[in-house]
Amino acid sequence: MAFARANLNLSSSGAADAPKIWTYKSADAIATVNTSGYFNSATRELNVGDMIYCYDTATPTASLVVVLSNASSVVDVSDGTAISVTDTD
């Protein structure tokens, strides 16, 4: 699938120069979301150091990625840190 700008939402903005925290909900797996260029449509909003909580509705899984670069209209994020969404009770 492709990036859906409507699914990227600002959760925390803090001070002007502080990293922001975003949420992103999609049926795309983290292997797709963390591909360089996936977030290119959000180059004006995303800054280096911003964190994005990504929720994959298809699996479901959750991951936290960090914006590593945003240059020449190409956004690249980290591979992602998995967040457990299991419930063993």
N, C-alpha and C. Protein backbone atom coordinates (compact mmCIF):
# COMPACT_ATOMS: atom_id res chain seq x y z
N MET A 1 0.84 -1.18 0.00
CA MET A 1 0.00 0.00 0.00
C MET A 1 0.88 1.24 0.00
N ALA A 2 0.28 2.36 -0.01
CA ALA A 2 1.01 3.62 -0.04
C ALA A 2 0.72 4.42 1.22
N PHE A 3 1.60 5.35 1.51
CA PHE A 3 1.42 6.25 2.64
C PHE A 3 0.11 7.01 2.51
N ALA A 4 -0.63 7.09 3.60
CA ALA A 4 -1.90 7.83 3.64
C ALA A 4 -1.75 8.98 4.62
N ARG A 5 -1.60 10.20 4.11
CA ARG A 5 -1.38 11.38 4.94
C ARG A 5 -2.44 11.53 6.02
N ALA A 6 -3.67 11.16 5.73
CA ALA A 6 -4.77 11.29 6.70
C ALA A 6 -4.55 10.41 7.93
N ASN A 7 -3.70 9.39 7.83
CA ASN A 7 -3.46 8.48 8.96
C ASN A 7 -2.28 8.90 9.83
N LEU A 8 -1.59 9.98 9.48
CA LEU A 8 -0.48 10.51 10.27
C LEU A 8 -1.00 11.66 11.11
N ASN A 9 -0.92 11.52 12.42
CA ASN A 9 -1.47 12.54 13.31
C ASN A 9 -0.46 12.95 14.36
N LEU A 10 -0.38 14.25 14.62
CA LEU A 10 0.51 14.79 15.64
C LEU A 10 -0.08 14.52 17.01
N SER A 11 0.72 13.92 17.89
CA SER A 11 0.26 13.61 19.24
C SER A 11 0.86 14.54 20.28
N SER A 12 2.08 15.02 20.04
CA SER A 12 2.77 15.87 21.00
C SER A 12 3.70 16.81 20.26
N SER A 13 3.63 18.09 20.58
CA SER A 13 4.47 19.03 19.85
C SER A 13 5.56 19.66 20.70
N GLY A 14 5.37 19.87 21.99
CA GLY A 14 6.42 20.41 22.85
C GLY A 14 6.94 21.75 22.38
N ALA A 15 8.19 22.05 22.73
CA ALA A 15 8.84 23.30 22.34
C ALA A 15 9.13 23.29 20.84
N ALA A 16 9.35 24.46 20.29
CA ALA A 16 9.54 24.60 18.84
C ALA A 16 10.67 23.73 18.29
N ASP A 17 11.76 23.58 19.04
CA ASP A 17 12.90 22.82 18.54
C ASP A 17 12.95 21.38 19.08
N ALA A 18 11.94 20.97 19.85
CA ALA A 18 11.91 19.62 20.41
C ALA A 18 11.33 18.64 19.40
N PRO A 19 11.77 17.38 19.46
CA PRO A 19 11.17 16.38 18.58
C PRO A 19 9.67 16.24 18.86
N LYS A 20 8.93 15.93 17.82
CA LYS A 20 7.49 15.71 17.95
C LYS A 20 7.21 14.21 18.00
N ILE A 21 6.05 13.88 18.53
CA ILE A 21 5.60 12.49 18.55
C ILE A 21 4.35 12.40 17.69
N TRP A 22 4.37 11.45 16.75
CA TRP A 22 3.29 11.25 15.80
C TRP A 22 2.71 9.85 15.97
N THR A 23 1.50 9.65 15.49
CA THR A 23 0.93 8.31 15.37
C THR A 23 0.61 8.06 13.91
N TYR A 24 0.75 6.81 13.49
CA TYR A 24 0.44 6.44 12.11
C TYR A 24 -0.21 5.07 12.12
N LYS A 25 -1.40 4.97 11.54
CA LYS A 25 -2.16 3.73 11.50
C LYS A 25 -2.34 3.32 10.04
N SER A 26 -1.99 2.06 9.75
CA SER A 26 -2.04 1.59 8.37
C SER A 26 -2.09 0.07 8.34
N ALA A 27 -2.51 -0.49 7.24
CA ALA A 27 -2.45 -1.94 7.05
C ALA A 27 -1.07 -2.37 6.54
N ASP A 28 -0.17 -1.40 6.33
CA ASP A 28 1.18 -1.70 5.86
C ASP A 28 2.04 -2.27 6.99
N ALA A 29 2.82 -3.29 6.67
CA ALA A 29 3.76 -3.87 7.63
C ALA A 29 4.90 -2.89 7.88
N ILE A 30 5.58 -3.04 9.02
CA ILE A 30 6.69 -2.15 9.36
C ILE A 30 7.79 -2.23 8.30
N ALA A 31 7.97 -3.36 7.66
CA ALA A 31 8.98 -3.48 6.60
C ALA A 31 8.69 -2.56 5.43
N THR A 32 7.44 -2.23 5.22
CA THR A 32 7.06 -1.29 4.17
C THR A 32 7.17 0.14 4.68
N VAL A 33 6.66 0.37 5.88
CA VAL A 33 6.64 1.72 6.46
C VAL A 33 8.05 2.26 6.68
N ASN A 34 9.00 1.40 7.05
CA ASN A 34 10.35 1.90 7.34
C ASN A 34 11.23 2.03 6.10
N THR A 35 10.67 1.82 4.92
CA THR A 35 11.41 1.98 3.68
C THR A 35 11.66 3.46 3.39
N SER A 36 12.88 3.79 3.02
CA SER A 36 13.21 5.18 2.69
C SER A 36 12.25 5.70 1.63
N GLY A 37 11.67 6.86 1.88
CA GLY A 37 10.75 7.47 0.94
C GLY A 37 9.28 7.23 1.24
N TYR A 38 8.97 6.32 2.15
CA TYR A 38 7.56 6.01 2.44
C TYR A 38 6.82 7.27 2.92
N PHE A 39 7.45 8.08 3.76
CA PHE A 39 6.80 9.26 4.33
C PHE A 39 7.08 10.54 3.54
N ASN A 40 7.49 10.43 2.29
CA ASN A 40 7.85 11.62 1.51
C ASN A 40 6.74 12.67 1.41
N SER A 41 5.50 12.26 1.43
CA SER A 41 4.39 13.22 1.35
C SER A 41 4.27 14.08 2.61
N ALA A 42 5.03 13.74 3.64
CA ALA A 42 4.97 14.49 4.89
C ALA A 42 6.29 15.21 5.18
N THR A 43 7.05 15.52 4.13
CA THR A 43 8.36 16.16 4.34
C THR A 43 8.24 17.50 5.06
N ARG A 44 7.16 18.22 4.87
CA ARG A 44 7.00 19.52 5.53
C ARG A 44 6.68 19.40 7.01
N GLU A 45 6.12 18.28 7.42
CA GLU A 45 5.74 18.09 8.81
C GLU A 45 6.79 17.37 9.65
N LEU A 46 7.45 16.38 9.06
CA LEU A 46 8.38 15.54 9.81
C LEU A 46 9.77 16.14 9.86
N ASN A 47 10.38 16.08 11.04
CA ASN A 47 11.73 16.58 11.25
C ASN A 47 12.62 15.47 11.79
N VAL A 48 13.90 15.59 11.56
CA VAL A 48 14.86 14.63 12.10
C VAL A 48 14.70 14.59 13.63
N GLY A 49 14.60 13.39 14.17
CA GLY A 49 14.43 13.20 15.60
C GLY A 49 12.99 12.96 16.01
N ASP A 50 12.04 13.30 15.15
CA ASP A 50 10.63 13.03 15.47
C ASP A 50 10.42 11.52 15.60
N MET A 51 9.50 11.13 16.47
CA MET A 51 9.15 9.73 16.66
C MET A 51 7.76 9.47 16.09
N ILE A 52 7.59 8.31 15.50
CA ILE A 52 6.30 7.93 14.95
C ILE A 52 5.91 6.56 15.51
N TYR A 53 4.79 6.54 16.24
CA TYR A 53 4.22 5.28 16.71
C TYR A 53 3.41 4.73 15.55
N CYS A 54 3.84 3.57 15.01
CA CYS A 54 3.20 2.97 13.84
C CYS A 54 2.40 1.75 14.26
N TYR A 55 1.13 1.73 13.90
CA TYR A 55 0.27 0.60 14.21
C TYR A 55 -0.18 -0.06 12.90
N ASP A 56 0.14 -1.34 12.76
CA ASP A 56 -0.23 -2.13 11.58
C ASP A 56 -1.56 -2.82 11.88
N THR A 57 -2.62 -2.39 11.24
CA THR A 57 -3.95 -2.93 11.50
C THR A 57 -4.15 -4.32 10.94
N ALA A 58 -3.35 -4.73 9.99
CA ALA A 58 -3.51 -6.04 9.36
C ALA A 58 -3.02 -7.17 10.24
N THR A 59 -1.95 -6.96 11.00
CA THR A 59 -1.31 -8.08 11.72
C THR A 59 -1.94 -8.41 13.07
N PRO A 60 -2.21 -7.62 14.03
CA PRO A 60 -1.76 -6.27 14.33
C PRO A 60 -0.40 -6.28 15.04
N THR A 61 0.40 -5.27 14.73
CA THR A 61 1.68 -5.05 15.39
C THR A 61 1.86 -3.55 15.60
N ALA A 62 2.79 -3.21 16.47
CA ALA A 62 3.11 -1.81 16.73
C ALA A 62 4.61 -1.64 16.79
N SER A 63 5.09 -0.51 16.30
CA SER A 63 6.53 -0.21 16.30
C SER A 63 6.72 1.28 16.49
N LEU A 64 7.87 1.64 17.02
CA LEU A 64 8.25 3.03 17.17
C LEU A 64 9.44 3.29 16.25
N VAL A 65 9.28 4.25 15.33
CA VAL A 65 10.37 4.62 14.43
C VAL A 65 10.78 6.06 14.70
N VAL A 66 12.00 6.38 14.33
CA VAL A 66 12.54 7.73 14.49
C VAL A 66 12.93 8.25 13.11
N VAL A 67 12.61 9.50 12.83
CA VAL A 67 13.00 10.11 11.56
C VAL A 67 14.51 10.34 11.59
N LEU A 68 15.22 9.67 10.71
CA LEU A 68 16.68 9.77 10.65
C LEU A 68 17.15 10.88 9.73
N SER A 69 16.41 11.09 8.64
CA SER A 69 16.79 12.15 7.70
C SER A 69 15.56 12.63 6.95
N ASN A 70 15.63 13.89 6.54
CA ASN A 70 14.59 14.52 5.74
C ASN A 70 15.32 15.55 4.88
N ALA A 71 15.79 15.10 3.73
CA ALA A 71 16.58 15.96 2.85
C ALA A 71 16.20 15.69 1.40
N SER A 72 16.19 16.74 0.60
CA SER A 72 15.85 16.63 -0.82
C SER A 72 14.51 15.93 -1.04
N SER A 73 13.57 16.22 -0.16
CA SER A 73 12.21 15.66 -0.24
C SER A 73 12.15 14.16 -0.03
N VAL A 74 13.15 13.58 0.63
CA VAL A 74 13.16 12.16 0.94
C VAL A 74 13.25 11.99 2.46
N VAL A 75 12.24 11.32 3.01
CA VAL A 75 12.21 11.04 4.45
C VAL A 75 12.64 9.60 4.67
N ASP A 76 13.56 9.40 5.61
CA ASP A 76 14.00 8.05 5.97
C ASP A 76 13.84 7.89 7.47
N VAL A 77 13.26 6.76 7.88
CA VAL A 77 13.06 6.48 9.30
C VAL A 77 13.84 5.24 9.69
N SER A 78 14.01 5.05 11.00
CA SER A 78 14.72 3.89 11.52
C SER A 78 13.93 2.61 11.23
N ASP A 79 14.58 1.47 11.46
CA ASP A 79 13.94 0.18 11.21
C ASP A 79 12.70 -0.03 12.08
N GLY A 80 12.73 0.53 13.26
CA GLY A 80 11.59 0.42 14.16
C GLY A 80 11.89 -0.50 15.34
N THR A 81 11.39 -0.12 16.48
CA THR A 81 11.47 -0.93 17.69
C THR A 81 10.09 -1.51 17.92
N ALA A 82 10.02 -2.84 17.98
CA ALA A 82 8.73 -3.49 18.17
C ALA A 82 8.18 -3.22 19.56
N ILE A 83 6.88 -3.00 19.61
CA ILE A 83 6.16 -2.82 20.87
C ILE A 83 5.19 -3.98 20.98
N SER A 84 5.27 -4.71 22.06
CA SER A 84 4.43 -5.89 22.22
C SER A 84 2.95 -5.53 22.27
N VAL A 85 2.15 -6.25 21.53
CA VAL A 85 0.70 -6.06 21.56
C VAL A 85 0.01 -7.38 21.92
N THR A 86 0.74 -8.27 22.61
CA THR A 86 0.18 -9.55 23.01
C THR A 86 -0.55 -9.42 24.34
N ASP A 87 -1.48 -10.32 24.56
CA ASP A 87 -2.23 -10.36 25.81
C ASP A 87 -2.35 -11.83 26.18
N THR A 88 -1.62 -12.25 27.21
CA THR A 88 -1.55 -13.67 27.55
C THR A 88 -2.57 -14.12 28.59
N ASP A 89 -3.46 -13.23 29.02
CA ASP A 89 -4.42 -13.68 30.02
C ASP A 89 -5.69 -14.20 29.42
